[in-house]
C-alpha atoms as a PDB file:
ATOM      1  CA  MET A   1     197.744   6.693 -12.667  1.00  0.00           C
ATOM      2  CA  ILE A   2     201.253   5.352 -13.288  1.00  0.00           C
ATOM      3  CA  GLY A   3     200.662   2.484 -10.853  1.00  0.00           C
ATOM      4  CA  THR A   4     197.496   1.464 -12.677  1.00  0.00           C
ATOM      5  CA  ALA A   5     199.267   1.504 -16.049  1.00  0.00           C
ATOM      6  CA  ALA A   6     202.164  -0.510 -14.633  1.00  0.00           C
ATOM      7  CA  ALA A   7     199.731  -2.986 -13.064  1.00  0.00           C
ATOM      8  CA  LEU A   8     197.976  -3.410 -16.402  1.00  0.00           C
ATOM      9  CA  ALA A   9     201.322  -3.998 -18.120  1.00  0.00           C
ATOM     10  CA  ILE A  10     202.188  -6.652 -15.531  1.00  0.00           C
ATOM     11  CA  VAL A  11     198.867  -8.439 -16.035  1.00  0.00           C
ATOM     12  CA  VAL A  12     199.240  -8.405 -19.827  1.00  0.00           C
ATOM     13  CA  ALA A  13     202.843  -9.628 -19.646  1.00  0.00           C
ATOM     14  CA  SER A  14     201.994 -12.309 -17.076  1.00  0.00           C
ATOM     15  CA  ILE A  15     200.148 -14.504 -19.574  1.00  0.00           C
ATOM     16  CA  PRO A  16     203.059 -15.191 -21.963  1.00  0.00           C
ATOM     17  CA  ILE A  17     205.524 -15.322 -19.052  1.00  0.00           C
ATOM     18  CA  ALA A  18     203.401 -17.969 -17.317  1.00  0.00           C
ATOM     19  CA  ALA A  19     203.042 -19.888 -20.585  1.00  0.00           C
ATOM     20  CA  VAL A  20     206.820 -19.957 -21.018  1.00  0.00           C
ATOM     21  CA  GLY A  21     207.240 -21.162 -17.430  1.00  0.00           C
ATOM     22  CA  TRP A  22     204.687 -23.907 -18.000  1.00  0.00           C
ATOM     23  CA  ILE A  23     206.268 -24.999 -21.294  1.00  0.00           C
ATOM     24  CA  ARG A  24     209.835 -24.945 -19.953  1.00  0.00           C
ATOM     25  CA  THR A  25     209.039 -26.966 -16.831  1.00  0.00           C
ATOM     26  CA  ARG A  26     206.111 -28.970 -18.234  1.00  0.00           C
ATOM     27  CA  GLN A  27     204.336 -28.405 -14.933  1.00  0.00           C
ATOM     28  CA  PHE A  28     201.007 -26.628 -14.873  1.00  0.00           C
ATOM     29  CA  ARG A  29     201.522 -25.737 -11.224  1.00  0.00           C
ATOM     30  CA  VAL A  30     204.616 -23.686 -12.054  1.00  0.00           C
ATOM     31  CA  GLY A  31     202.851 -21.777 -14.823  1.00  0.00           C
ATOM     32  CA  ILE A  32     199.777 -20.958 -12.761  1.00  0.00           C
ATOM     33  CA  GLY A  33     201.981 -20.037  -9.801  1.00  0.00           C
ATOM     34  CA  ILE A  34     203.896 -17.524 -11.900  1.00  0.00           C
ATOM     35  CA  LEU A  35     200.655 -16.106 -13.281  1.00  0.00           C
ATOM     36  CA  LEU A  36     199.057 -15.660  -9.876  1.00  0.00           C
ATOM     37  CA  ASP A  37     202.231 -14.225  -8.335  1.00  0.00           C
ATOM     38  CA  LEU A  38     202.381 -11.571 -11.022  1.00  0.00           C
ATOM     39  CA  TRP A  39     198.668 -10.798 -10.584  1.00  0.00           C
ATOM     40  CA  VAL A  40     199.231 -10.346  -6.840  1.00  0.00           C
ATOM     41  CA  ALA A  41     202.119  -8.002  -7.622  1.00  0.00           C
ATOM     42  CA  ALA A  42     199.878  -5.994  -9.944  1.00  0.00           C
ATOM     43  CA  GLY A  43     197.145  -5.853  -7.314  1.00  0.00           C
ATOM     44  CA  LEU A  44     199.559  -4.630  -4.659  1.00  0.00           C
ATOM     45  CA  LEU A  45     200.935  -2.046  -7.065  1.00  0.00           C
ATOM     46  CA  ARG A  46     197.412  -0.700  -7.633  1.00  0.00           C
ATOM     47  CA  LEU A  47     196.810  -0.798  -3.901  1.00  0.00           C
ATOM     48  CA  SER A  48     199.886   1.344  -3.264  1.00  0.00           C
ATOM     49  CA  GLU A  49     198.459   4.039  -5.508  1.00  0.00           C
ATOM     50  CA  ASP A  50     195.087   4.380  -3.784  1.00  0.00           C
ATOM     51  CA  ALA A  51     194.366   2.312  -0.681  1.00  0.00           C
ATOM     52  CA  THR A  52     190.569   2.185  -0.612  1.00  0.00           C
ATOM     53  CA  TRP A  53     188.765  -0.551   1.272  1.00  0.00           C
ATOM     54  CA  GLN A  54     187.530  -1.966  -2.022  1.00  0.00           C
ATOM     55  CA  ARG A  55     191.085  -2.338  -3.335  1.00  0.00           C
ATOM     56  CA  ILE A  56     192.273  -3.788  -0.025  1.00  0.00           C
ATOM     57  CA  ALA A  57     189.487  -6.381  -0.180  1.00  0.00           C
ATOM     58  CA  GLY A  58     190.334  -7.140  -3.814  1.00  0.00           C
ATOM     59  CA  ALA A  59     194.018  -7.655  -3.033  1.00  0.00           C
ATOM     60  CA  ALA A  60     193.158  -9.858  -0.048  1.00  0.00           C
ATOM     61  CA  ALA A  61     190.744 -11.913  -2.168  1.00  0.00           C
ATOM     62  CA  LEU A  62     193.370 -12.363  -4.877  1.00  0.00           C
ATOM     63  CA  ILE A  63     195.943 -13.522  -2.334  1.00  0.00           C
ATOM     64  CA  GLY A  64     193.376 -15.927  -0.880  1.00  0.00           C
ATOM     65  CA  VAL A  65     192.567 -17.354  -4.317  1.00  0.00           C
ATOM     66  CA  ARG A  66     196.277 -17.738  -5.057  1.00  0.00           C
ATOM     67  CA  LYS A  67     196.870 -19.621  -1.807  1.00  0.00           C
ATOM     68  CA  LEU A  68     193.843 -21.863  -2.408  1.00  0.00           C
ATOM     69  CA  VAL A  69     194.805 -22.723  -5.996  1.00  0.00           C
ATOM     70  CA  ILE A  70     198.443 -23.459  -5.174  1.00  0.00           C
ATOM     71  CA  PHE A  71     197.417 -25.569  -2.163  1.00  0.00           C
ATOM     72  CA  SER A  72     194.851 -27.556  -4.157  1.00  0.00           C
ATOM     73  CA  LEU A  73     197.349 -28.197  -6.960  1.00  0.00           C
ATOM     74  CA  ALA A  74     199.908 -29.395  -4.407  1.00  0.00           C
ATOM     75  CA  VAL A  75     197.369 -31.743  -2.813  1.00  0.00           C
ATOM     76  CA  SER A  76     196.259 -33.146  -6.172  1.00  0.00           C
ATOM     77  CA  ARG A  77     199.907 -33.668  -7.146  1.00  0.00           C
ATOM     78  CA  ARG A  78     200.526 -35.676  -3.965  1.00  0.00           C
ATOM     79  CA  ARG A  79     197.493 -37.860  -4.677  1.00  0.00           C
ATOM     80  CA  THR A  80     198.616 -38.691  -8.209  1.00  0.00           C
ATOM     81  CA  SER A  81     202.214 -39.466  -7.206  1.00  0.00           C
END
């Protein structure tokens, strides 16, 4: 119960934190990286509370999406440079 509430607080706080990171650095990749890192942290926090196969699959999918997005942004950045 506490882990779920903390995870929700992390997800809610991640949006303005990511926006500040994006504005300060003027790089979308930094902002989205912060956002996805915090979402992974929230997912792992929920997973630590109750490790069902559904939550394990959700955390693994979120980590996979994070890796894919960061990789694709890095590749697109190299092409535009």
